[in-house]
Amino acid sequence: MGATVTTANSEEKIWGGGNEPLGASYGKLMMWFFIVSDALTFSGFLAAYGFSRFKFIETWPLAEEVFTHFPFMHGVAAPMYYVALMTFILIFSSVTMVLAVDAGHHMNKAKVAFYMFLTIIGGLIFVGSQAWEWKNFIHGEYGAIETKGGSLLQFVDNTGKRVKLEDFAVTLPEEREQLDRSKGRWFMSEPTLPTYSVAEVQAGFKAHPEILVRTESIYKDDAAAKKDPKIDHTLTKHKHKTILTRAESERRLENAHLVVEGANLVRNEYGSKLFADFFFFITGFHGFHVFSGVIINVIIFLNVLLGTYEKRRTYEMVEKVGLYWHFVDLVWVFVFTVFYLV
């Protein structure tokens, strides 16, 4: 009977509610509620991305062809290297946050401040790297042509290597006027004019017979595709974009409508427009979380230096912000997998 009473008292102590139900403070519980709700939000975004990708799988960009830049290595193809470095830095910042929380449990102010500082530096590097990646994604590298039907045409040489518009486009004696409201046409405007016009790209293509057109469609390695006379089978391989023969390339280029350079919410030189929409929204939303985490970490770091938590005899605030930081890191693992690896 005594054991029963002891068990009942124990259960009442654990589940009794009060200020710290389940042994967790109000602040920790609220942080967990926020993390769960935010996880559901990210899950919805990534699920929408997955459905859209598999619906338009034939025209979806290949990640290893999009994210090829590395700082101070202009013109050197380094697919996924910098994204992998960004991921490592963010995960390492999660490790330093663990060390900061552990130091807080031991009431070691100096170590908490040191590891919090390293976490902040890691977060700033990641945010800056993401901004640099956005810049390259928006600016573009090769350029492409959009046809009147909305298809995307890219250019390769006779070995299948991508060719930039600037490598073959010519300069024609034509004047192009940027349409904006300052010229009195207040009801009309247009985006910034591309470097080359459609006519200049077409003229340059005719002058370089070794250049071929590559479509945005992924090549199907099946019997029907192998019999298609419009496809150059010597250059096109499985899981690569379809490369057309010279005759078919000339025919498709006659329907050119716009020159596309880089990516934005309207056009995308890499492939499906939805890819750019999801990329900007999901990575931007995650980047906002990381930036917010950096700001919060800076505030907590300053409080650590001022001895605020030393006076309270608890570093629980460090632990709570650590939960948020680990969540942000975990979300990036899923974003990295969905956008860059799958």
C-alpha atoms as a PDB file:
ATOM      1  CA  MET A   1       0.000   0.000   0.000  1.00  0.00           C
ATOM      2  CA  GLY A   2       2.893   2.285   0.814  1.00  0.00           C
ATOM      3  CA  ALA A   3       4.455   1.622  -2.592  1.00  0.00           C
ATOM      4  CA  THR A   4       1.173   2.469  -4.237  1.00  0.00           C
ATOM      5  CA  VAL A   5       0.977   5.756  -2.419  1.00  0.00           C
ATOM      6  CA  THR A   6       4.571   6.523  -3.341  1.00  0.00           C
ATOM      7  CA  THR A   7       3.850   5.825  -7.004  1.00  0.00           C
ATOM      8  CA  ALA A   8       0.740   7.974  -6.964  1.00  0.00           C
ATOM      9  CA  ASN A   9       2.620  10.821  -5.327  1.00  0.00           C
ATOM     10  CA  SER A  10       5.398  10.462  -7.889  1.00  0.00           C
ATOM     11  CA  GLU A  11       2.934  10.622 -10.768  1.00  0.00           C
ATOM     12  CA  GLU A  12       1.240  13.641  -9.242  1.00  0.00           C
ATOM     13  CA  LYS A  13       4.608  15.359  -8.948  1.00  0.00           C
ATOM     14  CA  ILE A  14       5.447  14.737 -12.617  1.00  0.00           C
ATOM     15  CA  TRP A  15       2.049  15.445 -14.163  1.00  0.00           C
ATOM     16  CA  GLY A  16       0.776  17.945 -11.653  1.00  0.00           C
ATOM     17  CA  GLY A  17       1.275  20.898 -13.976  1.00  0.00           C
ATOM     18  CA  GLY A  18       2.083  24.094 -12.191  1.00  0.00           C
ATOM     19  CA  ASN A  19       4.948  26.278 -13.353  1.00  0.00           C
ATOM     20  CA  GLU A  20       7.049  23.395 -14.749  1.00  0.00           C
ATOM     21  CA  PRO A  21       4.965  20.488 -16.107  1.00  0.00           C
ATOM     22  CA  LEU A  22       7.129  17.478 -17.085  1.00  0.00           C
ATOM     23  CA  GLY A  23      10.074  19.243 -15.472  1.00  0.00           C
ATOM     24  CA  ALA A  24      10.236  21.827 -18.274  1.00  0.00           C
ATOM     25  CA  SER A  25       9.896  25.539 -17.711  1.00  0.00           C
ATOM     26  CA  TYR A  26       7.262  27.656 -19.418  1.00  0.00           C
ATOM     27  CA  GLY A  27       9.880  29.158 -21.740  1.00  0.00           C
ATOM     28  CA  LYS A  28      11.097  25.746 -22.929  1.00  0.00           C
ATOM     29  CA  LEU A  29       7.563  24.530 -23.567  1.00  0.00           C
ATOM     30  CA  MET A  30       6.746  27.617 -25.606  1.00  0.00           C
ATOM     31  CA  MET A  31       9.926  27.145 -27.629  1.00  0.00           C
ATOM     32  CA  TRP A  32       8.947  23.546 -28.347  1.00  0.00           C
ATOM     33  CA  PHE A  33       5.450  24.648 -29.403  1.00  0.00           C
ATOM     34  CA  PHE A  34       7.003  27.172 -31.787  1.00  0.00           C
ATOM     35  CA  ILE A  35       9.424  24.587 -33.207  1.00  0.00           C
ATOM     36  CA  VAL A  36       6.638  22.060 -33.847  1.00  0.00           C
ATOM     37  CA  SER A  37       4.433  24.644 -35.589  1.00  0.00           C
ATOM     38  CA  ASP A  38       7.362  25.920 -37.672  1.00  0.00           C
ATOM     39  CA  ALA A  39       8.318  22.363 -38.594  1.00  0.00           C
ATOM     40  CA  LEU A  40       4.810  21.837 -39.971  1.00  0.00           C
ATOM     41  CA  THR A  41       5.170  25.032 -42.032  1.00  0.00           C
ATOM     42  CA  PHE A  42       8.455  23.911 -43.577  1.00  0.00           C
ATOM     43  CA  SER A  43       7.002  20.446 -44.170  1.00  0.00           C
ATOM     44  CA  GLY A  44       4.180  21.976 -46.189  1.00  0.00           C
ATOM     45  CA  PHE A  45       6.601  24.031 -48.297  1.00  0.00           C
ATOM     46  CA  LEU A  46       8.876  21.061 -49.012  1.00  0.00           C
ATOM     47  CA  ALA A  47       5.898  18.819 -49.807  1.00  0.00           C
ATOM     48  CA  ALA A  48       4.634  21.400 -52.321  1.00  0.00           C
ATOM     49  CA  TYR A  49       8.117  21.514 -53.856  1.00  0.00           C
ATOM     50  CA  GLY A  50       8.189  17.726 -54.129  1.00  0.00           C
ATOM     51  CA  PHE A  51       4.788  17.509 -55.833  1.00  0.00           C
ATOM     52  CA  SER A  52       5.702  20.273 -58.286  1.00  0.00           C
ATOM     53  CA  ARG A  53       9.045  18.705 -59.097  1.00  0.00           C
ATOM     54  CA  PHE A  54       7.606  15.306 -59.922  1.00  0.00           C
ATOM     55  CA  LYS A  55       4.834  16.879 -61.954  1.00  0.00           C
ATOM     56  CA  PHE A  56       7.370  18.747 -64.122  1.00  0.00           C
ATOM     57  CA  ILE A  57      10.252  16.289 -63.712  1.00  0.00           C
ATOM     58  CA  GLU A  58      11.188  16.382 -67.419  1.00  0.00           C
ATOM     59  CA  THR A  59      11.967  20.112 -67.376  1.00  0.00           C
ATOM     60  CA  TRP A  60      13.269  20.439 -63.821  1.00  0.00           C
ATOM     61  CA  PRO A  61      16.813  21.883 -63.646  1.00  0.00           C
ATOM     62  CA  LEU A  62      19.707  19.607 -62.697  1.00  0.00           C
ATOM     63  CA  ALA A  63      21.187  20.891 -59.433  1.00  0.00           C
ATOM     64  CA  GLU A  64      24.761  20.020 -60.407  1.00  0.00           C
ATOM     65  CA  GLU A  65      24.421  22.340 -63.407  1.00  0.00           C
ATOM     66  CA  VAL A  66      22.901  25.232 -61.446  1.00  0.00           C
ATOM     67  CA  PHE A  67      25.041  25.485 -58.303  1.00  0.00           C
ATOM     68  CA  THR A  68      28.534  25.358 -59.775  1.00  0.00           C
ATOM     69  CA  HIS A  69      30.123  28.518 -58.386  1.00  0.00           C
ATOM     70  CA  PHE A  70      32.812  28.830 -55.759  1.00  0.00           C
ATOM     71  CA  PRO A  71      34.182  32.141 -54.404  1.00  0.00           C
ATOM     72  CA  PHE A  72      37.387  33.402 -56.052  1.00  0.00           C
ATOM     73  CA  MET A  73      37.208  30.573 -58.622  1.00  0.00           C
ATOM     74  CA  HIS A  74      35.384  32.331 -61.461  1.00  0.00           C
ATOM     75  CA  GLY A  75      34.879  30.109 -64.473  1.00  0.00           C
ATOM     76  CA  VAL A  76      35.844  26.926 -62.612  1.00  0.00           C
ATOM     77  CA  ALA A  77      33.060  24.354 -62.459  1.00  0.00           C
ATOM     78  CA  ALA A  78      32.752  23.166 -58.858  1.00  0.00           C
ATOM     79  CA  PRO A  79      29.266  21.630 -58.644  1.00  0.00           C
ATOM     80  CA  MET A  80      27.819  21.534 -55.133  1.00  0.00           C
ATOM     81  CA  TYR A  81      31.176  22.246 -53.447  1.00  0.00           C
ATOM     82  CA  TYR A  82      30.230  25.582 -51.956  1.00  0.00           C
ATOM     83  CA  VAL A  83      26.785  24.377 -50.885  1.00  0.00           C
ATOM     84  CA  ALA A  84      28.489  21.483 -49.091  1.00  0.00           C
ATOM     85  CA  LEU A  85      30.821  23.957 -47.367  1.00  0.00           C
ATOM     86  CA  MET A  86      27.859  26.089 -46.276  1.00  0.00           C
ATOM     87  CA  THR A  87      26.168  23.019 -44.836  1.00  0.00           C
ATOM     88  CA  PHE A  88      29.301  22.014 -42.933  1.00  0.00           C
ATOM     89  CA  ILE A  89      29.622  25.511 -41.435  1.00  0.00           C
ATOM     90  CA  LEU A  90      26.005  25.521 -40.254  1.00  0.00           C
ATOM     91  CA  ILE A  91      26.280  22.042 -38.733  1.00  0.00           C
ATOM     92  CA  PHE A  92      29.540  23.027 -37.032  1.00  0.00           C
ATOM     93  CA  SER A  93      27.757  26.048 -35.527  1.00  0.00           C
ATOM     94  CA  SER A  94      25.243  23.616 -34.053  1.00  0.00           C
ATOM     95  CA  VAL A  95      28.134  21.781 -32.384  1.00  0.00           C
ATOM     96  CA  THR A  96      29.445  24.999 -30.850  1.00  0.00           C
ATOM     97  CA  MET A  97      25.931  25.731 -29.581  1.00  0.00           C
ATOM     98  CA  VAL A  98      25.875  22.336 -27.839  1.00  0.00           C
ATOM     99  CA  LEU A  99      29.187  23.196 -26.198  1.00  0.00           C
ATOM    100  CA  ALA A 100      27.790  26.570 -25.085  1.00  0.00           C
ATOM    101  CA  VAL A 101      24.770  24.904 -23.468  1.00  0.00           C
ATOM    102  CA  ASP A 102      27.002  22.356 -21.752  1.00  0.00           C
ATOM    103  CA  ALA A 103      29.241  25.140 -20.440  1.00  0.00           C
ATOM    104  CA  GLY A 104      26.122  26.870 -19.113  1.00  0.00           C
ATOM    105  CA  HIS A 105      25.190  23.738 -17.160  1.00  0.00           C
ATOM    106  CA  HIS A 106      28.617  23.983 -15.504  1.00  0.00           C
ATOM    107  CA  MET A 107      28.184  27.723 -14.892  1.00  0.00           C
ATOM    108  CA  ASN A 108      31.291  28.490 -16.949  1.00  0.00           C
ATOM    109  CA  LYS A 109      30.705  32.025 -18.219  1.00  0.00           C
ATOM    110  CA  ALA A 110      33.918  32.267 -20.251  1.00  0.00           C
ATOM    111  CA  LYS A 111      33.240  29.093 -22.250  1.00  0.00           C
ATOM    112  CA  VAL A 112      29.603  30.014 -22.831  1.00  0.00           C
ATOM    113  CA  ALA A 113      30.667  33.358 -24.286  1.00  0.00           C
ATOM    114  CA  PHE A 114      33.389  31.762 -26.434  1.00  0.00           C
ATOM    115  CA  TYR A 115      31.160  29.084 -27.961  1.00  0.00           C
ATOM    116  CA  MET A 116      28.275  31.530 -28.446  1.00  0.00           C
ATOM    117  CA  PHE A 117      30.671  33.798 -30.343  1.00  0.00           C
ATOM    118  CA  LEU A 118      31.692  30.909 -32.639  1.00  0.00           C
ATOM    119  CA  THR A 119      28.015  30.082 -33.223  1.00  0.00           C
ATOM    120  CA  ILE A 120      27.292  33.681 -34.229  1.00  0.00           C
ATOM    121  CA  ILE A 121      30.251  33.720 -36.637  1.00  0.00           C
ATOM    122  CA  GLY A 122      29.064  30.469 -38.230  1.00  0.00           C
ATOM    123  CA  GLY A 123      25.560  31.869 -38.676  1.00  0.00           C
ATOM    124  CA  LEU A 124      26.846  35.078 -40.268  1.00  0.00           C
ATOM    125  CA  ILE A 125      29.045  33.128 -42.688  1.00  0.00           C
ATOM    126  CA  PHE A 126      26.083  30.981 -43.695  1.00  0.00           C
ATOM    127  CA  VAL A 127      23.768  33.961 -44.274  1.00  0.00           C
ATOM    128  CA  GLY A 128      26.458  35.753 -46.274  1.00  0.00           C
ATOM    129  CA  SER A 129      27.106  32.622 -48.330  1.00  0.00           C
ATOM    130  CA  GLN A 130      23.420  32.252 -49.073  1.00  0.00           C
ATOM    131  CA  ALA A 131      23.263  35.876 -50.249  1.00  0.00           C
ATOM    132  CA  TRP A 132      26.271  35.247 -52.517  1.00  0.00           C
ATOM    133  CA  GLU A 133      24.584  32.143 -53.916  1.00  0.00           C
ATOM    134  CA  TRP A 134      21.403  34.126 -54.598  1.00  0.00           C
ATOM    135  CA  LYS A 135      23.440  36.742 -56.460  1.00  0.00           C
ATOM    136  CA  ASN A 136      24.930  34.146 -58.793  1.00  0.00           C
ATOM    137  CA  PHE A 137      21.597  32.427 -59.280  1.00  0.00           C
ATOM    138  CA  ILE A 138      19.882  35.705 -60.194  1.00  0.00           C
ATOM    139  CA  HIS A 139      22.700  36.915 -62.435  1.00  0.00           C
ATOM    140  CA  GLY A 140      23.043  33.629 -64.322  1.00  0.00           C
ATOM    141  CA  GLU A 141      26.056  32.334 -66.178  1.00  0.00           C
ATOM    142  CA  TYR A 142      25.224  31.042 -69.647  1.00  0.00           C
ATOM    143  CA  GLY A 143      21.956  32.609 -70.746  1.00  0.00           C
ATOM    144  CA  ALA A 144      19.233  30.971 -72.818  1.00  0.00           C
ATOM    145  CA  ILE A 145      16.444  31.609 -75.294  1.00  0.00           C
ATOM    146  CA  GLU A 146      12.742  31.326 -74.581  1.00  0.00           C
ATOM    147  CA  THR A 147      10.592  30.386 -77.569  1.00  0.00           C
ATOM    148  CA  LYS A 148       7.159  31.712 -78.412  1.00  0.00           C
ATOM    149  CA  GLY A 149       5.686  28.523 -76.960  1.00  0.00           C
ATOM    150  CA  GLY A 150       7.478  29.042 -73.642  1.00  0.00           C
ATOM    151  CA  SER A 151      10.164  26.385 -74.143  1.00  0.00           C
ATOM    152  CA  LEU A 152      13.727  27.056 -73.038  1.00  0.00           C
ATOM    153  CA  LEU A 153      16.690  26.647 -75.397  1.00  0.00           C
ATOM    154  CA  GLN A 154      20.254  26.423 -74.082  1.00  0.00           C
ATOM    155  CA  PHE A 155      23.462  26.160 -76.113  1.00  0.00           C
ATOM    156  CA  VAL A 156      26.276  23.612 -76.180  1.00  0.00           C
ATOM    157  CA  ASP A 157      29.321  22.959 -78.367  1.00  0.00           C
ATOM    158  CA  ASN A 158      30.031  19.814 -80.393  1.00  0.00           C
ATOM    159  CA  THR A 159      31.267  18.060 -77.237  1.00  0.00           C
ATOM    160  CA  GLY A 160      28.122  18.754 -75.221  1.00  0.00           C
ATOM    161  CA  LYS A 161      29.723  21.475 -73.053  1.00  0.00           C
ATOM    162  CA  ARG A 162      27.582  24.508 -72.205  1.00  0.00           C
ATOM    163  CA  VAL A 163      28.313  27.679 -74.165  1.00  0.00           C
ATOM    164  CA  LYS A 164      27.635  31.219 -72.946  1.00  0.00           C
ATOM    165  CA  LEU A 165      25.732  33.690 -75.102  1.00  0.00           C
ATOM    166  CA  GLU A 166      28.688  36.065 -74.963  1.00  0.00           C
ATOM    167  CA  ASP A 167      30.887  33.408 -76.595  1.00  0.00           C
ATOM    168  CA  PHE A 168      29.027  33.448 -79.898  1.00  0.00           C
ATOM    169  CA  ALA A 169      26.411  36.237 -80.002  1.00  0.00           C
ATOM    170  CA  VAL A 170      27.268  39.128 -82.312  1.00  0.00           C
ATOM    171  CA  THR A 171      26.631  42.855 -81.943  1.00  0.00           C
ATOM    172  CA  LEU A 172      24.264  44.242 -84.549  1.00  0.00           C
ATOM    173  CA  PRO A 173      23.808  47.944 -85.403  1.00  0.00           C
ATOM    174  CA  GLU A 174      20.411  48.177 -83.769  1.00  0.00           C
ATOM    175  CA  GLU A 175      19.029  50.412 -81.067  1.00  0.00           C
ATOM    176  CA  ARG A 176      16.986  48.985 -78.231  1.00  0.00           C
ATOM    177  CA  GLU A 177      14.983  51.291 -76.015  1.00  0.00           C
ATOM    178  CA  GLN A 178      14.254  50.437 -72.405  1.00  0.00           C
ATOM    179  CA  LEU A 179      10.530  51.000 -71.942  1.00  0.00           C
ATOM    180  CA  ASP A 180       9.714  52.817 -68.691  1.00  0.00           C
ATOM    181  CA  ARG A 181       7.417  55.501 -67.317  1.00  0.00           C
ATOM    182  CA  SER A 182       9.998  58.281 -67.620  1.00  0.00           C
ATOM    183  CA  LYS A 183       9.486  58.292 -71.389  1.00  0.00           C
ATOM    184  CA  GLY A 184       5.861  59.301 -71.021  1.00  0.00           C
ATOM    185  CA  ARG A 185       4.402  55.808 -71.305  1.00  0.00           C
ATOM    186  CA  TRP A 186       3.296  55.663 -67.679  1.00  0.00           C
ATOM    187  CA  PHE A 187       1.059  52.667 -68.301  1.00  0.00           C
ATOM    188  CA  MET A 188       3.842  50.494 -69.762  1.00  0.00           C
ATOM    189  CA  SER A 189       7.118  49.125 -68.455  1.00  0.00           C
ATOM    190  CA  GLU A 190       9.420  46.143 -68.968  1.00  0.00           C
ATOM    191  CA  PRO A 191      12.258  44.411 -67.154  1.00  0.00           C
ATOM    192  CA  THR A 192      15.877  45.405 -67.704  1.00  0.00           C
ATOM    193  CA  LEU A 193      16.943  44.647 -71.254  1.00  0.00           C
ATOM    194  CA  PRO A 194      19.203  41.589 -71.664  1.00  0.00           C
ATOM    195  CA  THR A 195      22.780  41.942 -72.856  1.00  0.00           C
ATOM    196  CA  TYR A 196      21.912  40.621 -76.328  1.00  0.00           C
ATOM    197  CA  SER A 197      18.801  40.725 -78.467  1.00  0.00           C
ATOM    198  CA  VAL A 198      17.181  37.703 -80.066  1.00  0.00           C
ATOM    199  CA  ALA A 199      18.473  38.787 -83.495  1.00  0.00           C
ATOM    200  CA  GLU A 200      22.062  39.011 -82.188  1.00  0.00           C
ATOM    201  CA  VAL A 201      21.865  35.500 -80.734  1.00  0.00           C
ATOM    202  CA  GLN A 202      20.362  34.098 -83.944  1.00  0.00           C
ATOM    203  CA  ALA A 203      23.045  35.769 -86.098  1.00  0.00           C
ATOM    204  CA  GLY A 204      25.831  34.482 -83.865  1.00  0.00           C
ATOM    205  CA  PHE A 205      24.366  30.975 -83.928  1.00  0.00           C
ATOM    206  CA  LYS A 206      24.375  30.934 -87.723  1.00  0.00           C
ATOM    207  CA  ALA A 207      28.018  32.030 -87.756  1.00  0.00           C
ATOM    208  CA  HIS A 208      29.058  29.136 -85.470  1.00  0.00           C
ATOM    209  CA  PRO A 209      28.027  25.825 -87.045  1.00  0.00           C
ATOM    210  CA  GLU A 210      29.638  23.856 -84.194  1.00  0.00           C
ATOM    211  CA  ILE A 211      27.059  25.126 -81.679  1.00  0.00           C
ATOM    212  CA  LEU A 212      23.906  23.135 -81.008  1.00  0.00           C
ATOM    213  CA  VAL A 213      20.706  23.766 -79.090  1.00  0.00           C
ATOM    214  CA  ARG A 214      19.946  21.896 -75.888  1.00  0.00           C
ATOM    215  CA  THR A 215      16.341  21.787 -74.689  1.00  0.00           C
ATOM    216  CA  GLU A 216      15.173  21.936 -71.078  1.00  0.00           C
ATOM    217  CA  SER A 217      13.782  18.400 -71.296  1.00  0.00           C
ATOM    218  CA  ILE A 218      15.706  15.569 -69.632  1.00  0.00           C
ATOM    219  CA  TYR A 219      16.722  12.892 -72.129  1.00  0.00           C
ATOM    220  CA  LYS A 220      14.798   9.633 -71.888  1.00  0.00           C
ATOM    221  CA  ASP A 221      17.055   6.654 -72.370  1.00  0.00           C
ATOM    222  CA  ASP A 222      14.461   4.486 -74.073  1.00  0.00           C
ATOM    223  CA  ALA A 223      13.854   2.996 -77.486  1.00  0.00           C
ATOM    224  CA  ALA A 224      11.585   5.818 -78.666  1.00  0.00           C
ATOM    225  CA  ALA A 225      14.106   8.506 -77.777  1.00  0.00           C
ATOM    226  CA  LYS A 226      16.951   6.643 -79.465  1.00  0.00           C
ATOM    227  CA  LYS A 227      15.006   6.564 -82.743  1.00  0.00           C
ATOM    228  CA  ASP A 228      14.166  10.281 -82.726  1.00  0.00           C
ATOM    229  CA  PRO A 229      16.081  11.881 -85.673  1.00  0.00           C
ATOM    230  CA  LYS A 230      15.861  15.326 -84.071  1.00  0.00           C
ATOM    231  CA  ILE A 231      18.122  14.330 -81.155  1.00  0.00           C
ATOM    232  CA  ASP A 232      21.905  14.137 -81.346  1.00  0.00           C
ATOM    233  CA  HIS A 233      22.400  10.780 -79.610  1.00  0.00           C
ATOM    234  CA  THR A 234      26.194  11.035 -79.694  1.00  0.00           C
ATOM    235  CA  LEU A 235      26.073  13.898 -77.169  1.00  0.00           C
ATOM    236  CA  THR A 236      22.896  13.299 -75.197  1.00  0.00           C
ATOM    237  CA  LYS A 237      23.124  10.883 -72.304  1.00  0.00           C
ATOM    238  CA  HIS A 238      20.780   9.600 -69.635  1.00  0.00           C
ATOM    239  CA  LYS A 239      19.905  12.198 -66.954  1.00  0.00           C
ATOM    240  CA  HIS A 240      21.160  14.995 -69.201  1.00  0.00           C
ATOM    241  CA  LYS A 241      19.210  17.588 -71.137  1.00  0.00           C
ATOM    242  CA  THR A 242      18.279  16.702 -74.698  1.00  0.00           C
ATOM    243  CA  ILE A 243      20.695  17.989 -77.374  1.00  0.00           C
ATOM    244  CA  LEU A 244      19.240  18.532 -80.837  1.00  0.00           C
ATOM    245  CA  THR A 245      20.852  18.052 -84.206  1.00  0.00           C
ATOM    246  CA  ARG A 246      22.106  21.131 -86.060  1.00  0.00           C
ATOM    247  CA  ALA A 247      19.142  21.162 -88.440  1.00  0.00           C
ATOM    248  CA  GLU A 248      16.619  20.824 -85.638  1.00  0.00           C
ATOM    249  CA  SER A 249      18.515  23.446 -83.604  1.00  0.00           C
ATOM    250  CA  GLU A 250      18.156  25.982 -86.428  1.00  0.00           C
ATOM    251  CA  ARG A 251      14.480  25.215 -86.767  1.00  0.00           C
ATOM    252  CA  ARG A 252      13.774  25.621 -83.050  1.00  0.00           C
ATOM    253  CA  LEU A 253      15.761  28.851 -82.853  1.00  0.00           C
ATOM    254  CA  GLU A 254      13.542  30.425 -85.500  1.00  0.00           C
ATOM    255  CA  ASN A 255      10.778  30.537 -82.872  1.00  0.00           C
ATOM    256  CA  ALA A 256      12.943  32.502 -80.440  1.00  0.00           C
ATOM    257  CA  HIS A 257      10.999  35.104 -78.480  1.00  0.00           C
ATOM    258  CA  LEU A 258      13.095  36.319 -75.544  1.00  0.00           C
ATOM    259  CA  VAL A 259      16.656  36.219 -74.282  1.00  0.00           C
ATOM    260  CA  VAL A 260      16.748  34.941 -70.693  1.00  0.00           C
ATOM    261  CA  GLU A 261      19.684  35.736 -68.416  1.00  0.00           C
ATOM    262  CA  GLY A 262      19.688  34.374 -64.882  1.00  0.00           C
ATOM    263  CA  ALA A 263      16.597  33.607 -62.836  1.00  0.00           C
ATOM    264  CA  ASN A 264      13.791  35.559 -61.215  1.00  0.00           C
ATOM    265  CA  LEU A 265      10.146  34.996 -60.304  1.00  0.00           C
ATOM    266  CA  VAL A 266       9.095  35.298 -63.968  1.00  0.00           C
ATOM    267  CA  ARG A 267      11.802  33.539 -66.013  1.00  0.00           C
ATOM    268  CA  ASN A 268      14.563  31.049 -65.353  1.00  0.00           C
ATOM    269  CA  GLU A 269      17.485  30.232 -67.644  1.00  0.00           C
ATOM    270  CA  TYR A 270      18.074  26.915 -65.864  1.00  0.00           C
ATOM    271  CA  GLY A 271      14.715  25.287 -66.586  1.00  0.00           C
ATOM    272  CA  SER A 272      11.253  25.258 -65.047  1.00  0.00           C
ATOM    273  CA  LYS A 273      10.135  28.614 -63.668  1.00  0.00           C
ATOM    274  CA  LEU A 274       8.707  26.904 -60.575  1.00  0.00           C
ATOM    275  CA  PHE A 275      12.199  25.857 -59.528  1.00  0.00           C
ATOM    276  CA  ALA A 276      13.250  29.486 -59.118  1.00  0.00           C
ATOM    277  CA  ASP A 277      10.014  30.354 -57.305  1.00  0.00           C
ATOM    278  CA  PHE A 278      10.485  27.580 -54.760  1.00  0.00           C
ATOM    279  CA  PHE A 279      14.208  28.249 -54.443  1.00  0.00           C
ATOM    280  CA  PHE A 280      13.748  31.911 -53.590  1.00  0.00           C
ATOM    281  CA  PHE A 281      10.853  31.290 -51.227  1.00  0.00           C
ATOM    282  CA  ILE A 282      12.092  28.260 -49.265  1.00  0.00           C
ATOM    283  CA  THR A 283      15.774  29.185 -49.011  1.00  0.00           C
ATOM    284  CA  GLY A 284      14.792  32.787 -48.316  1.00  0.00           C
ATOM    285  CA  PHE A 285      12.404  31.704 -45.561  1.00  0.00           C
ATOM    286  CA  HIS A 286      15.110  29.534 -44.028  1.00  0.00           C
ATOM    287  CA  GLY A 287      17.668  32.310 -44.392  1.00  0.00           C
ATOM    288  CA  PHE A 288      15.313  34.614 -42.501  1.00  0.00           C
ATOM    289  CA  HIS A 289      15.213  32.052 -39.695  1.00  0.00           C
ATOM    290  CA  VAL A 290      19.013  31.853 -39.592  1.00  0.00           C
ATOM    291  CA  PHE A 291      19.352  35.642 -39.584  1.00  0.00           C
ATOM    292  CA  SER A 292      16.771  35.901 -36.796  1.00  0.00           C
ATOM    293  CA  GLY A 293      18.688  33.255 -34.867  1.00  0.00           C
ATOM    294  CA  VAL A 294      21.904  35.241 -35.262  1.00  0.00           C
ATOM    295  CA  ILE A 295      20.214  38.373 -33.881  1.00  0.00           C
ATOM    296  CA  ILE A 296      18.839  36.428 -30.903  1.00  0.00           C
ATOM    297  CA  ASN A 297      22.239  34.820 -30.320  1.00  0.00           C
ATOM    298  CA  VAL A 298      23.881  38.250 -30.288  1.00  0.00           C
ATOM    299  CA  ILE A 299      21.428  39.453 -27.637  1.00  0.00           C
ATOM    300  CA  ILE A 300      22.026  36.346 -25.489  1.00  0.00           C
ATOM    301  CA  PHE A 301      25.785  36.686 -26.037  1.00  0.00           C
ATOM    302  CA  LEU A 302      25.724  40.285 -24.747  1.00  0.00           C
ATOM    303  CA  ASN A 303      23.726  39.192 -21.712  1.00  0.00           C
ATOM    304  CA  VAL A 304      26.315  36.497 -21.031  1.00  0.00           C
ATOM    305  CA  LEU A 305      29.099  39.095 -21.152  1.00  0.00           C
ATOM    306  CA  LEU A 306      27.139  41.346 -18.785  1.00  0.00           C
ATOM    307  CA  GLY A 307      26.769  38.465 -16.319  1.00  0.00           C
ATOM    308  CA  THR A 308      22.966  38.473 -16.426  1.00  0.00           C
ATOM    309  CA  TYR A 309      22.653  34.682 -16.305  1.00  0.00           C
ATOM    310  CA  GLU A 310      25.485  34.366 -13.830  1.00  0.00           C
ATOM    311  CA  LYS A 311      23.420  36.465 -11.425  1.00  0.00           C
ATOM    312  CA  ARG A 312      20.348  34.323 -12.053  1.00  0.00           C
ATOM    313  CA  ARG A 313      22.434  31.191 -11.435  1.00  0.00           C
ATOM    314  CA  THR A 314      21.016  29.617 -14.587  1.00  0.00           C
ATOM    315  CA  TYR A 315      21.838  29.685 -18.303  1.00  0.00           C
ATOM    316  CA  GLU A 316      18.451  28.414 -19.396  1.00  0.00           C
ATOM    317  CA  MET A 317      18.121  31.198 -21.982  1.00  0.00           C
ATOM    318  CA  VAL A 318      21.183  29.789 -23.752  1.00  0.00           C
ATOM    319  CA  GLU A 319      19.514  26.395 -23.776  1.00  0.00           C
ATOM    320  CA  LYS A 320      16.278  27.785 -25.198  1.00  0.00           C
ATOM    321  CA  VAL A 321      17.987  29.654 -28.026  1.00  0.00           C
ATOM    322  CA  GLY A 322      20.014  26.494 -28.591  1.00  0.00           C
ATOM    323  CA  LEU A 323      16.811  24.560 -29.271  1.00  0.00           C
ATOM    324  CA  TYR A 324      15.872  27.095 -31.943  1.00  0.00           C
ATOM    325  CA  TRP A 325      19.344  26.978 -33.510  1.00  0.00           C
ATOM    326  CA  HIS A 326      19.348  23.171 -33.687  1.00  0.00           C
ATOM    327  CA  PHE A 327      15.931  23.304 -35.352  1.00  0.00           C
ATOM    328  CA  VAL A 328      17.192  25.764 -37.982  1.00  0.00           C
ATOM    329  CA  ASP A 329      20.157  23.483 -38.687  1.00  0.00           C
ATOM    330  CA  LEU A 330      17.921  20.421 -38.979  1.00  0.00           C
ATOM    331  CA  VAL A 331      15.594  22.191 -41.416  1.00  0.00           C
ATOM    332  CA  TRP A 332      18.577  23.071 -43.623  1.00  0.00           C
ATOM    333  CA  VAL A 333      19.508  19.379 -43.798  1.00  0.00           C
ATOM    334  CA  PHE A 334      16.111  18.695 -45.373  1.00  0.00           C
ATOM    335  CA  VAL A 335      16.287  21.767 -47.642  1.00  0.00           C
ATOM    336  CA  PHE A 336      19.798  20.796 -48.740  1.00  0.00           C
ATOM    337  CA  THR A 337      18.669  17.240 -49.482  1.00  0.00           C
ATOM    338  CA  VAL A 338      15.560  18.248 -51.434  1.00  0.00           C
ATOM    339  CA  PHE A 339      17.087  21.083 -53.501  1.00  0.00           C
ATOM    340  CA  TYR A 340      20.652  19.942 -54.053  1.00  0.00           C
ATOM    341  CA  LEU A 341      20.924  16.170 -53.672  1.00  0.00           C
ATOM    342  CA  VAL A 342      17.683  14.515 -54.795  1.00  0.00           C
END
